[in-house]
Amino acid sequence: MRQVQAQGSLAITNHSTVEMVLLTAGTYQSLLDLVSRLQAREKSEIDQLSEQFKARLATLNDPKARDRLSSVLASKGRARKKPIAGENF
């Protein structure tokens, strides 16, 4: 117990393989807090990606999206207007 209190944890091994780890209550709580923060961060990132996906899907579901895509594909990479370039180009 002294070693656990001094170091915060103690690995118990069986033939050089860690089988169990003893932690102080403070170390255990710190790990729980870290996991909680990481889960909140992960949820926030997933929510952000979900919102981006919904916005892109809404664009694709727009009734005019099919016409815009057809127009782009029909142009075969040609611009409608010639690009304007300065004298240096």
C-alpha atoms as a PDB file:
ATOM      1  CA  MET A   1       0.000   0.000   0.000  1.00  0.00           C
ATOM      2  CA  ARG A   2       2.885   2.389   0.745  1.00  0.00           C
ATOM      3  CA  GLN A   3       4.230   1.925  -2.761  1.00  0.00           C
ATOM      4  CA  VAL A   4       0.804   2.590  -4.278  1.00  0.00           C
ATOM      5  CA  GLN A   5       0.451   5.749  -2.196  1.00  0.00           C
ATOM      6  CA  ALA A   6       3.974   6.880  -3.036  1.00  0.00           C
ATOM      7  CA  GLN A   7       3.818   6.211  -6.801  1.00  0.00           C
ATOM      8  CA  GLY A   8       0.089   6.378  -7.481  1.00  0.00           C
ATOM      9  CA  SER A   9      -0.030   2.848  -8.906  1.00  0.00           C
ATOM     10  CA  LEU A  10       1.449  -0.626  -8.557  1.00  0.00           C
ATOM     11  CA  ALA A  11       1.647  -3.279 -11.271  1.00  0.00           C
ATOM     12  CA  ILE A  12       1.116  -6.837 -10.120  1.00  0.00           C
ATOM     13  CA  THR A  13       2.773  -9.356 -12.421  1.00  0.00           C
ATOM     14  CA  ASN A  14       2.633 -13.076 -13.031  1.00  0.00           C
ATOM     15  CA  HIS A  15       5.802 -14.373 -14.725  1.00  0.00           C
ATOM     16  CA  SER A  16       6.726 -10.845 -15.907  1.00  0.00           C
ATOM     17  CA  THR A  17       3.263 -10.233 -17.377  1.00  0.00           C
ATOM     18  CA  VAL A  18       1.202  -7.451 -15.832  1.00  0.00           C
ATOM     19  CA  GLU A  19      -2.002  -9.031 -14.576  1.00  0.00           C
ATOM     20  CA  MET A  20      -3.413  -6.243 -12.429  1.00  0.00           C
ATOM     21  CA  VAL A  21      -2.742  -2.615 -11.534  1.00  0.00           C
ATOM     22  CA  LEU A  22      -3.567  -1.090  -8.176  1.00  0.00           C
ATOM     23  CA  LEU A  23      -4.287   2.638  -8.191  1.00  0.00           C
ATOM     24  CA  THR A  24      -4.910   5.215  -5.531  1.00  0.00           C
ATOM     25  CA  ALA A  25      -8.408   6.653  -5.495  1.00  0.00           C
ATOM     26  CA  GLY A  26      -6.972   9.982  -6.686  1.00  0.00           C
ATOM     27  CA  THR A  27      -5.191   8.385  -9.649  1.00  0.00           C
ATOM     28  CA  TYR A  28      -8.332   6.465 -10.534  1.00  0.00           C
ATOM     29  CA  GLN A  29     -10.431   9.635 -10.395  1.00  0.00           C
ATOM     30  CA  SER A  30      -7.876  11.451 -12.566  1.00  0.00           C
ATOM     31  CA  LEU A  31      -8.174   8.689 -15.160  1.00  0.00           C
ATOM     32  CA  LEU A  32     -11.977   8.895 -15.056  1.00  0.00           C
ATOM     33  CA  ASP A  33     -11.815  12.677 -15.508  1.00  0.00           C
ATOM     34  CA  LEU A  34      -9.453  12.285 -18.473  1.00  0.00           C
ATOM     35  CA  VAL A  35     -11.730   9.716 -20.109  1.00  0.00           C
ATOM     36  CA  SER A  36     -14.713  11.999 -19.563  1.00  0.00           C
ATOM     37  CA  ARG A  37     -12.930  14.967 -21.188  1.00  0.00           C
ATOM     38  CA  LEU A  38     -11.821  12.830 -24.142  1.00  0.00           C
ATOM     39  CA  GLN A  39     -15.353  11.500 -24.637  1.00  0.00           C
ATOM     40  CA  ALA A  40     -16.754  15.047 -24.561  1.00  0.00           C
ATOM     41  CA  ARG A  41     -14.147  16.153 -27.111  1.00  0.00           C
ATOM     42  CA  GLU A  42     -14.920  13.178 -29.333  1.00  0.00           C
ATOM     43  CA  LYS A  43     -18.663  13.897 -29.137  1.00  0.00           C
ATOM     44  CA  SER A  44     -18.050  17.535 -30.011  1.00  0.00           C
ATOM     45  CA  GLU A  45     -15.987  16.564 -33.064  1.00  0.00           C
ATOM     46  CA  ILE A  46     -18.571  14.009 -34.181  1.00  0.00           C
ATOM     47  CA  ASP A  47     -21.354  16.582 -33.768  1.00  0.00           C
ATOM     48  CA  GLN A  48     -19.352  19.075 -35.843  1.00  0.00           C
ATOM     49  CA  LEU A  49     -18.765  16.503 -38.601  1.00  0.00           C
ATOM     50  CA  SER A  50     -22.437  15.586 -38.509  1.00  0.00           C
ATOM     51  CA  GLU A  51     -23.451  19.217 -39.010  1.00  0.00           C
ATOM     52  CA  GLN A  52     -21.022  19.551 -41.936  1.00  0.00           C
ATOM     53  CA  PHE A  53     -22.463  16.401 -43.482  1.00  0.00           C
ATOM     54  CA  LYS A  54     -26.033  17.663 -43.051  1.00  0.00           C
ATOM     55  CA  ALA A  55     -25.107  20.964 -44.714  1.00  0.00           C
ATOM     56  CA  ARG A  56     -23.518  19.190 -47.676  1.00  0.00           C
ATOM     57  CA  LEU A  57     -26.440  16.805 -47.954  1.00  0.00           C
ATOM     58  CA  ALA A  58     -28.854  19.743 -47.940  1.00  0.00           C
ATOM     59  CA  THR A  59     -26.907  21.227 -50.850  1.00  0.00           C
ATOM     60  CA  LEU A  60     -27.210  17.965 -52.770  1.00  0.00           C
ATOM     61  CA  ASN A  61     -30.914  17.724 -51.966  1.00  0.00           C
ATOM     62  CA  ASP A  62     -31.527  21.223 -53.339  1.00  0.00           C
ATOM     63  CA  PRO A  63     -33.862  20.924 -56.357  1.00  0.00           C
ATOM     64  CA  LYS A  64     -31.422  22.963 -58.477  1.00  0.00           C
ATOM     65  CA  ALA A  65     -28.432  20.745 -57.614  1.00  0.00           C
ATOM     66  CA  ARG A  66     -29.108  18.343 -60.472  1.00  0.00           C
ATOM     67  CA  ASP A  67     -29.187  21.162 -63.027  1.00  0.00           C
ATOM     68  CA  ARG A  68     -25.966  22.686 -61.648  1.00  0.00           C
ATOM     69  CA  LEU A  69     -24.174  19.342 -61.762  1.00  0.00           C
ATOM     70  CA  SER A  70     -25.410  18.646 -65.282  1.00  0.00           C
ATOM     71  CA  SER A  71     -24.155  22.060 -66.359  1.00  0.00           C
ATOM     72  CA  VAL A  72     -20.719  21.439 -64.883  1.00  0.00           C
ATOM     73  CA  LEU A  73     -20.448  18.010 -66.494  1.00  0.00           C
ATOM     74  CA  ALA A  74     -21.680  19.318 -69.837  1.00  0.00           C
ATOM     75  CA  SER A  75     -18.987  22.014 -69.895  1.00  0.00           C
ATOM     76  CA  LYS A  76     -16.325  19.268 -70.047  1.00  0.00           C
ATOM     77  CA  GLY A  77     -13.884  21.459 -68.146  1.00  0.00           C
ATOM     78  CA  ARG A  78     -14.250  24.539 -70.343  1.00  0.00           C
ATOM     79  CA  ALA A  79     -14.887  27.884 -68.703  1.00  0.00           C
ATOM     80  CA  ARG A  80     -17.843  29.957 -69.898  1.00  0.00           C
ATOM     81  CA  LYS A  81     -15.693  33.070 -70.103  1.00  0.00           C
ATOM     82  CA  LYS A  82     -12.037  33.373 -70.891  1.00  0.00           C
ATOM     83  CA  PRO A  83     -10.038  33.941 -67.737  1.00  0.00           C
ATOM     84  CA  ILE A  84      -8.762  37.450 -67.197  1.00  0.00           C
ATOM     85  CA  ALA A  85      -5.020  37.513 -66.703  1.00  0.00           C
ATOM     86  CA  GLY A  86      -2.731  40.483 -66.189  1.00  0.00           C
ATOM     87  CA  GLU A  87       0.030  41.587 -68.522  1.00  0.00           C
ATOM     88  CA  ASN A  88       2.505  39.447 -66.650  1.00  0.00           C
ATOM     89  CA  PHE A  89       0.844  36.225 -67.728  1.00  0.00           C
END
